[in-house]
Amino acid sequence: MRLRVEFTTEPFDLEEAPAHAVAAREVIQKAQLDAVDVGPFGNTAEGEAERVLDAVRALLHDSLRAGATRVSLQVNVIGEEKP
């Protein structure tokens, strides 16, 4: 199964990326996921279910530890893993 995760961290800072946003993005960029798209107001990544779920756990842990007061995320099933 493949999953897509979309997430944002708060509080927002329009001047520079807060530490919690940087932490979350680093987790996603290091997680060996496909189709990673990092932006100023939202981030997405796709991949094999276990990798996405492991990344979500690390994302929550690291971003909250770095000062996030809210993490909004959505996880969608996007298809089955192809042999």
PDB file of N, CA and C in Angstrom:
ATOM      1  N   MET A   1       0.841  -1.179   0.000  1.00  0.00           N
ATOM      2  CA  MET A   1       0.000   0.000   0.000  1.00  0.00           C
ATOM      3  C   MET A   1       0.888   1.245   0.000  1.00  0.00           C
ATOM      4  N   ARG A   2       0.438   2.246  -0.735  1.00  0.00           N
ATOM      5  CA  ARG A   2       1.145   3.529  -0.767  1.00  0.00           C
ATOM      6  C   ARG A   2       0.296   4.584  -0.075  1.00  0.00           C
ATOM      7  N   LEU A   3       0.976   5.509   0.582  1.00  0.00           N
ATOM      8  CA  LEU A   3       0.306   6.582   1.296  1.00  0.00           C
ATOM      9  C   LEU A   3       0.855   7.934   0.863  1.00  0.00           C
ATOM     10  N   ARG A   4       0.021   8.938   1.001  1.00  0.00           N
ATOM     11  CA  ARG A   4       0.441  10.331   0.817  1.00  0.00           C
ATOM     12  C   ARG A   4       0.188  11.049   2.136  1.00  0.00           C
ATOM     13  N   VAL A   5       1.178  11.768   2.617  1.00  0.00           N
ATOM     14  CA  VAL A   5       1.010  12.589   3.812  1.00  0.00           C
ATOM     15  C   VAL A   5       1.123  14.055   3.412  1.00  0.00           C
ATOM     16  N   GLU A   6       0.219  14.856   3.948  1.00  0.00           N
ATOM     17  CA  GLU A   6       0.257  16.306   3.784  1.00  0.00           C
ATOM     18  C   GLU A   6       0.318  16.882   5.193  1.00  0.00           C
ATOM     19  N   PHE A   7       1.201  17.870   5.430  1.00  0.00           N
ATOM     20  CA  PHE A   7       1.309  18.397   6.779  1.00  0.00           C
ATOM     21  C   PHE A   7       1.751  19.854   6.810  1.00  0.00           C
ATOM     22  N   THR A   8       1.383  20.510   7.891  1.00  0.00           N
ATOM     23  CA  THR A   8       1.877  21.844   8.226  1.00  0.00           C
ATOM     24  C   THR A   8       2.151  21.872   9.718  1.00  0.00           C
ATOM     25  N   THR A   9       3.049  22.756  10.120  1.00  0.00           N
ATOM     26  CA  THR A   9       3.333  22.963  11.539  1.00  0.00           C
ATOM     27  C   THR A   9       3.073  24.425  11.869  1.00  0.00           C
ATOM     28  N   GLU A  10       2.698  24.666  13.097  1.00  0.00           N
ATOM     29  CA  GLU A  10       2.423  26.026  13.554  1.00  0.00           C
ATOM     30  C   GLU A  10       3.155  26.258  14.867  1.00  0.00           C
ATOM     31  N   PRO A  11       3.417  27.487  15.238  1.00  0.00           N
ATOM     32  CA  PRO A  11       2.950  28.735  14.650  1.00  0.00           C
ATOM     33  C   PRO A  11       3.736  29.103  13.392  1.00  0.00           C
ATOM     34  N   PHE A  12       3.074  29.854  12.515  1.00  0.00           N
ATOM     35  CA  PHE A  12       3.688  30.316  11.278  1.00  0.00           C
ATOM     36  C   PHE A  12       4.604  31.504  11.550  1.00  0.00           C
ATOM     37  N   ASP A  13       5.600  31.636  10.725  1.00  0.00           N
ATOM     38  CA  ASP A  13       6.468  32.811  10.731  1.00  0.00           C
ATOM     39  C   ASP A  13       6.752  33.126   9.272  1.00  0.00           C
ATOM     40  N   LEU A  14       6.256  34.260   8.807  1.00  0.00           N
ATOM     41  CA  LEU A  14       6.413  34.601   7.400  1.00  0.00           C
ATOM     42  C   LEU A  14       7.798  35.138   7.066  1.00  0.00           C
ATOM     43  N   GLU A  15       8.581  35.485   8.073  1.00  0.00           N
ATOM     44  CA  GLU A  15       9.924  36.029   7.837  1.00  0.00           C
ATOM     45  C   GLU A  15      10.949  34.923   7.572  1.00  0.00           C
ATOM     46  N   GLU A  16      10.910  33.869   8.370  1.00  0.00           N
ATOM     47  CA  GLU A  16      11.827  32.732   8.166  1.00  0.00           C
ATOM     48  C   GLU A  16      11.189  31.468   8.723  1.00  0.00           C
ATOM     49  N   ALA A  17      11.664  30.340   8.241  1.00  0.00           N
ATOM     50  CA  ALA A  17      11.099  29.062   8.678  1.00  0.00           C
ATOM     51  C   ALA A  17      11.449  28.816  10.144  1.00  0.00           C
ATOM     52  N   PRO A  18      10.439  28.580  11.002  1.00  0.00           N
ATOM     53  CA  PRO A  18      10.699  28.289  12.401  1.00  0.00           C
ATOM     54  C   PRO A  18      11.404  26.939  12.564  1.00  0.00           C
ATOM     55  N   ALA A  19      12.029  26.763  13.702  1.00  0.00           N
ATOM     56  CA  ALA A  19      12.776  25.522  13.971  1.00  0.00           C
ATOM     57  C   ALA A  19      11.894  24.284  13.822  1.00  0.00           C
ATOM     58  N   HIS A  20      10.632  24.358  14.240  1.00  0.00           N
ATOM     59  CA  HIS A  20       9.753  23.191  14.141  1.00  0.00           C
ATOM     60  C   HIS A  20       9.443  22.838  12.688  1.00  0.00           C
ATOM     61  N   ALA A  21       9.336  23.842  11.826  1.00  0.00           N
ATOM     62  CA  ALA A  21       9.089  23.580  10.405  1.00  0.00           C
ATOM     63  C   ALA A  21      10.319  22.962   9.759  1.00  0.00           C
ATOM     64  N   VAL A  22      11.485  23.468  10.117  1.00  0.00           N
ATOM     65  CA  VAL A  22      12.741  22.920   9.592  1.00  0.00           C
ATOM     66  C   VAL A  22      12.894  21.467  10.038  1.00  0.00           C
ATOM     67  N   ALA A  23      12.614  21.191  11.308  1.00  0.00           N
ATOM     68  CA  ALA A  23      12.733  19.823  11.833  1.00  0.00           C
ATOM     69  C   ALA A  23      11.814  18.864  11.079  1.00  0.00           C
ATOM     70  N   ALA A  24      10.563  19.278  10.858  1.00  0.00           N
ATOM     71  CA  ALA A  24       9.612  18.420  10.153  1.00  0.00           C
ATOM     72  C   ALA A  24      10.059  18.158   8.723  1.00  0.00           C
ATOM     73  N   ARG A  25      10.525  19.203   8.054  1.00  0.00           N
ATOM     74  CA  ARG A  25      10.975  19.041   6.668  1.00  0.00           C
ATOM     75  C   ARG A  25      12.201  18.156   6.573  1.00  0.00           C
ATOM     76  N   GLU A  26      13.103  18.267   7.529  1.00  0.00           N
ATOM     77  CA  GLU A  26      14.297  17.411   7.520  1.00  0.00           C
ATOM     78  C   GLU A  26      13.919  15.949   7.656  1.00  0.00           C
ATOM     79  N   VAL A  27      12.964  15.655   8.525  1.00  0.00           N
ATOM     80  CA  VAL A  27      12.504  14.268   8.681  1.00  0.00           C
ATOM     81  C   VAL A  27      11.991  13.738   7.351  1.00  0.00           C
ATOM     82  N   ILE A  28      11.129  14.496   6.697  1.00  0.00           N
ATOM     83  CA  ILE A  28      10.528  14.051   5.439  1.00  0.00           C
ATOM     84  C   ILE A  28      11.580  13.902   4.347  1.00  0.00           C
ATOM     85  N   GLN A  29      12.508  14.832   4.279  1.00  0.00           N
ATOM     86  CA  GLN A  29      13.524  14.777   3.231  1.00  0.00           C
ATOM     87  C   GLN A  29      14.492  13.618   3.436  1.00  0.00           C
ATOM     88  N   LYS A  30      14.687  13.160   4.661  1.00  0.00           N
ATOM     89  CA  LYS A  30      15.601  12.048   4.948  1.00  0.00           C
ATOM     90  C   LYS A  30      14.901  10.687   4.949  1.00  0.00           C
ATOM     91  N   ALA A  31      13.606  10.658   4.824  1.00  0.00           N
ATOM     92  CA  ALA A  31      12.829   9.430   5.017  1.00  0.00           C
ATOM     93  C   ALA A  31      12.781   8.505   3.806  1.00  0.00           C
ATOM     94  N   GLN A  32      13.463   8.828   2.741  1.00  0.00           N
ATOM     95  CA  GLN A  32      13.467   8.005   1.531  1.00  0.00           C
ATOM     96  C   GLN A  32      12.056   7.782   0.991  1.00  0.00           C
ATOM     97  N   LEU A  33      11.284   8.888   0.947  1.00  0.00           N
ATOM     98  CA  LEU A  33       9.943   8.848   0.384  1.00  0.00           C
ATOM     99  C   LEU A  33       9.985   9.378  -1.037  1.00  0.00           C
ATOM    100  N   ASP A  34       8.914   9.133  -1.786  1.00  0.00           N
ATOM    101  CA  ASP A  34       8.803   9.590  -3.164  1.00  0.00           C
ATOM    102  C   ASP A  34       8.018  10.888  -3.205  1.00  0.00           C
ATOM    103  N   ALA A  35       8.164  11.616  -4.276  1.00  0.00           N
ATOM    104  CA  ALA A  35       7.342  12.785  -4.562  1.00  0.00           C
ATOM    105  C   ALA A  35       7.267  13.751  -3.387  1.00  0.00           C
ATOM    106  N   VAL A  36       8.404  14.081  -2.812  1.00  0.00           N
ATOM    107  CA  VAL A  36       8.449  15.030  -1.702  1.00  0.00           C
ATOM    108  C   VAL A  36       8.324  16.442  -2.257  1.00  0.00           C
ATOM    109  N   ASP A  37       7.379  17.196  -1.707  1.00  0.00           N
ATOM    110  CA  ASP A  37       7.172  18.587  -2.107  1.00  0.00           C
ATOM    111  C   ASP A  37       7.110  19.430  -0.840  1.00  0.00           C
ATOM    112  N   VAL A  38       8.122  20.246  -0.621  1.00  0.00           N
ATOM    113  CA  VAL A  38       8.220  21.081   0.565  1.00  0.00           C
ATOM    114  C   VAL A  38       7.948  22.517   0.157  1.00  0.00           C
ATOM    115  N   GLY A  39       6.983  23.140   0.823  1.00  0.00           N
ATOM    116  CA  GLY A  39       6.632  24.515   0.503  1.00  0.00           C
ATOM    117  C   GLY A  39       6.423  25.342   1.751  1.00  0.00           C
ATOM    118  N   PRO A  40       6.228  26.642   1.594  1.00  0.00           N
ATOM    119  CA  PRO A  40       6.100  27.516   2.754  1.00  0.00           C
ATOM    120  C   PRO A  40       4.798  27.325   3.536  1.00  0.00           C
ATOM    121  N   PHE A  41       3.739  26.820   2.892  1.00  0.00           N
ATOM    122  CA  PHE A  41       2.453  26.689   3.577  1.00  0.00           C
ATOM    123  C   PHE A  41       1.926  25.268   3.630  1.00  0.00           C
ATOM    124  N   GLY A  42       2.690  24.321   3.147  1.00  0.00           N
ATOM    125  CA  GLY A  42       2.268  22.937   3.193  1.00  0.00           C
ATOM    126  C   GLY A  42       3.313  22.050   2.555  1.00  0.00           C
ATOM    127  N   ASN A  43       3.315  20.811   2.960  1.00  0.00           N
ATOM    128  CA  ASN A  43       4.313  19.849   2.514  1.00  0.00           C
ATOM    129  C   ASN A  43       3.615  18.532   2.216  1.00  0.00           C
ATOM    130  N   THR A  44       4.091  17.820   1.208  1.00  0.00           N
ATOM    131  CA  THR A  44       3.532  16.510   0.886  1.00  0.00           C
ATOM    132  C   THR A  44       4.660  15.539   0.578  1.00  0.00           C
ATOM    133  N   ALA A  45       4.362  14.278   0.788  1.00  0.00           N
ATOM    134  CA  ALA A  45       5.287  13.211   0.414  1.00  0.00           C
ATOM    135  C   ALA A  45       4.477  11.942   0.225  1.00  0.00           C
ATOM    136  N   GLU A  46       4.999  11.064  -0.608  1.00  0.00           N
ATOM    137  CA  GLU A  46       4.353   9.786  -0.872  1.00  0.00           C
ATOM    138  C   GLU A  46       5.371   8.677  -0.692  1.00  0.00           C
ATOM    139  N   GLY A  47       4.861   7.482  -0.405  1.00  0.00           N
ATOM    140  CA  GLY A  47       5.754   6.348  -0.313  1.00  0.00           C
ATOM    141  C   GLY A  47       5.060   5.112   0.210  1.00  0.00           C
ATOM    142  N   GLU A  48       5.842   4.088   0.392  1.00  0.00           N
ATOM    143  CA  GLU A  48       5.373   2.822   0.943  1.00  0.00           C
ATOM    144  C   GLU A  48       4.848   3.085   2.354  1.00  0.00           C
ATOM    145  N   ALA A  49       3.766   2.425   2.712  1.00  0.00           N
ATOM    146  CA  ALA A  49       3.037   2.723   3.945  1.00  0.00           C
ATOM    147  C   ALA A  49       3.925   2.752   5.187  1.00  0.00           C
ATOM    148  N   GLU A  50       4.745   1.758   5.395  1.00  0.00           N
ATOM    149  CA  GLU A  50       5.558   1.712   6.617  1.00  0.00           C
ATOM    150  C   GLU A  50       6.547   2.865   6.685  1.00  0.00           C
ATOM    151  N   ARG A  51       7.122   3.235   5.557  1.00  0.00           N
ATOM    152  CA  ARG A  51       8.050   4.379   5.549  1.00  0.00           C
ATOM    153  C   ARG A  51       7.324   5.673   5.869  1.00  0.00           C
ATOM    154  N   VAL A  52       6.131   5.849   5.297  1.00  0.00           N
ATOM    155  CA  VAL A  52       5.361   7.063   5.568  1.00  0.00           C
ATOM    156  C   VAL A  52       4.968   7.111   7.043  1.00  0.00           C
ATOM    157  N   LEU A  53       4.482   6.004   7.575  1.00  0.00           N
ATOM    158  CA  LEU A  53       4.064   5.979   8.978  1.00  0.00           C
ATOM    159  C   LEU A  53       5.242   6.216   9.921  1.00  0.00           C
ATOM    160  N   ASP A  54       6.392   5.654   9.622  1.00  0.00           N
ATOM    161  CA  ASP A  54       7.591   5.917  10.430  1.00  0.00           C
ATOM    162  C   ASP A  54       7.980   7.389  10.359  1.00  0.00           C
ATOM    163  N   ALA A  55       7.875   7.973   9.170  1.00  0.00           N
ATOM    164  CA  ALA A  55       8.216   9.387   8.998  1.00  0.00           C
ATOM    165  C   ALA A  55       7.234  10.276   9.753  1.00  0.00           C
ATOM    166  N   VAL A  56       5.946   9.924   9.750  1.00  0.00           N
ATOM    167  CA  VAL A  56       4.949  10.720  10.470  1.00  0.00           C
ATOM    168  C   VAL A  56       5.254  10.714  11.967  1.00  0.00           C
ATOM    169  N   ARG A  57       5.602   9.566  12.497  1.00  0.00           N
ATOM    170  CA  ARG A  57       5.937   9.500  13.924  1.00  0.00           C
ATOM    171  C   ARG A  57       7.133  10.391  14.232  1.00  0.00           C
ATOM    172  N   ALA A  58       8.181  10.296  13.429  1.00  0.00           N
ATOM    173  CA  ALA A  58       9.377  11.113  13.645  1.00  0.00           C
ATOM    174  C   ALA A  58       9.077  12.591  13.443  1.00  0.00           C
ATOM    175  N   LEU A  59       8.253  12.905  12.447  1.00  0.00           N
ATOM    176  CA  LEU A  59       7.861  14.287  12.184  1.00  0.00           C
ATOM    177  C   LEU A  59       7.154  14.877  13.401  1.00  0.00           C
ATOM    178  N   LEU A  60       6.205  14.154  13.970  1.00  0.00           N
ATOM    179  CA  LEU A  60       5.500  14.635  15.155  1.00  0.00           C
ATOM    180  C   LEU A  60       6.457  14.829  16.320  1.00  0.00           C
ATOM    181  N   HIS A  61       7.271  13.853  16.565  1.00  0.00           N
ATOM    182  CA  HIS A  61       8.224  13.918  17.675  1.00  0.00           C
ATOM    183  C   HIS A  61       9.164  15.112  17.528  1.00  0.00           C
ATOM    184  N   ASP A  62       9.799  15.222  16.376  1.00  0.00           N
ATOM    185  CA  ASP A  62      10.822  16.250  16.188  1.00  0.00           C
ATOM    186  C   ASP A  62      10.237  17.655  16.119  1.00  0.00           C
ATOM    187  N   SER A  63       9.111  17.816  15.448  1.00  0.00           N
ATOM    188  CA  SER A  63       8.548  19.166  15.325  1.00  0.00           C
ATOM    189  C   SER A  63       7.965  19.657  16.653  1.00  0.00           C
ATOM    190  N   LEU A  64       7.320  18.790  17.410  1.00  0.00           N
ATOM    191  CA  LEU A  64       6.812  19.195  18.719  1.00  0.00           C
ATOM    192  C   LEU A  64       7.963  19.521  19.671  1.00  0.00           C
ATOM    193  N   ARG A  65       8.996  18.724  19.610  1.00  0.00           N
ATOM    194  CA  ARG A  65      10.172  18.973  20.446  1.00  0.00           C
ATOM    195  C   ARG A  65      10.856  20.296  20.076  1.00  0.00           C
ATOM    196  N   ALA A  66      10.737  20.700  18.812  1.00  0.00           N
ATOM    197  CA  ALA A  66      11.371  21.937  18.338  1.00  0.00           C
ATOM    198  C   ALA A  66      10.470  23.159  18.501  1.00  0.00           C
ATOM    199  N   GLY A  67       9.301  22.995  19.139  1.00  0.00           N
ATOM    200  CA  GLY A  67       8.477  24.148  19.448  1.00  0.00           C
ATOM    201  C   GLY A  67       7.154  24.281  18.729  1.00  0.00           C
ATOM    202  N   ALA A  68       6.774  23.305  17.922  1.00  0.00           N
ATOM    203  CA  ALA A  68       5.467  23.389  17.260  1.00  0.00           C
ATOM    204  C   ALA A  68       4.368  23.351  18.320  1.00  0.00           C
ATOM    205  N   THR A  69       3.357  24.187  18.142  1.00  0.00           N
ATOM    206  CA  THR A  69       2.199  24.169  19.028  1.00  0.00           C
ATOM    207  C   THR A  69       1.023  23.448  18.385  1.00  0.00           C
ATOM    208  N   ARG A  70       1.159  23.174  17.095  1.00  0.00           N
ATOM    209  CA  ARG A  70       0.123  22.447  16.365  1.00  0.00           C
ATOM    210  C   ARG A  70       0.743  21.816  15.133  1.00  0.00           C
ATOM    211  N   VAL A  71       0.374  20.592  14.875  1.00  0.00           N
ATOM    212  CA  VAL A  71       0.774  19.905  13.647  1.00  0.00           C
ATOM    213  C   VAL A  71      -0.507  19.391  13.000  1.00  0.00           C
ATOM    214  N   SER A  72      -0.762  19.848  11.797  1.00  0.00           N
ATOM    215  CA  SER A  72      -1.931  19.384  11.056  1.00  0.00           C
ATOM    216  C   SER A  72      -1.441  18.430   9.990  1.00  0.00           C
ATOM    217  N   LEU A  73      -2.050  17.249   9.946  1.00  0.00           N
ATOM    218  CA  LEU A  73      -1.639  16.315   8.906  1.00  0.00           C
ATOM    219  C   LEU A  73      -2.807  15.499   8.422  1.00  0.00           C
ATOM    220  N   GLN A  74      -2.643  15.062   7.211  1.00  0.00           N
ATOM    221  CA  GLN A  74      -3.632  14.208   6.565  1.00  0.00           C
ATOM    222  C   GLN A  74      -2.874  13.095   5.880  1.00  0.00           C
ATOM    223  N   VAL A  75      -3.362  11.868   6.055  1.00  0.00           N
ATOM    224  CA  VAL A  75      -2.747  10.717   5.411  1.00  0.00           C
ATOM    225  C   VAL A  75      -3.805  10.051   4.544  1.00  0.00           C
ATOM    226  N   ASN A  76      -3.459   9.839   3.275  1.00  0.00           N
ATOM    227  CA  ASN A  76      -4.381   9.212   2.331  1.00  0.00           C
ATOM    228  C   ASN A  76      -3.754   7.967   1.720  1.00  0.00           C
ATOM    229  N   VAL A  77      -4.570   6.935   1.530  1.00  0.00           N
ATOM    230  CA  VAL A  77      -4.158   5.768   0.772  1.00  0.00           C
ATOM    231  C   VAL A  77      -4.252   6.148  -0.690  1.00  0.00           C
ATOM    232  N   ILE A  78      -3.155   5.948  -1.441  1.00  0.00           N
ATOM    233  CA  ILE A  78      -3.174   6.342  -2.844  1.00  0.00           C
ATOM    234  C   ILE A  78      -3.031   5.172  -3.802  1.00  0.00           C
ATOM    235  N   GLY A  79      -2.814   3.988  -3.283  1.00  0.00           N
ATOM    236  CA  GLY A  79      -2.743   2.843  -4.175  1.00  0.00           C
ATOM    237  C   GLY A  79      -1.937   1.712  -3.554  1.00  0.00           C
ATOM    238  N   GLU A  80      -1.913   0.651  -4.267  1.00  0.00           N
ATOM    239  CA  GLU A  80      -1.178  -0.524  -3.817  1.00  0.00           C
ATOM    240  C   GLU A  80       0.244  -0.498  -4.340  1.00  0.00           C
ATOM    241  N   GLU A  81       1.156  -1.052  -3.576  1.00  0.00           N
ATOM    242  CA  GLU A  81       2.541  -1.206  -3.975  1.00  0.00           C
ATOM    243  C   GLU A  81       2.586  -2.126  -5.200  1.00  0.00           C
ATOM    244  N   LYS A  82       3.344  -1.756  -6.195  1.00  0.00           N
ATOM    245  CA  LYS A  82       3.449  -2.586  -7.408  1.00  0.00           C
ATOM    246  C   LYS A  82       4.609  -3.564  -7.262  1.00  0.00           C
ATOM    247  N   PRO A  83       4.403  -4.811  -7.683  1.00  0.00           N
ATOM    248  CA  PRO A  83       5.470  -5.821  -7.537  1.00  0.00           C
ATOM    249  C   PRO A  83       6.659  -5.529  -8.408  1.00  0.00           C
TER     250      PRO A  83
END
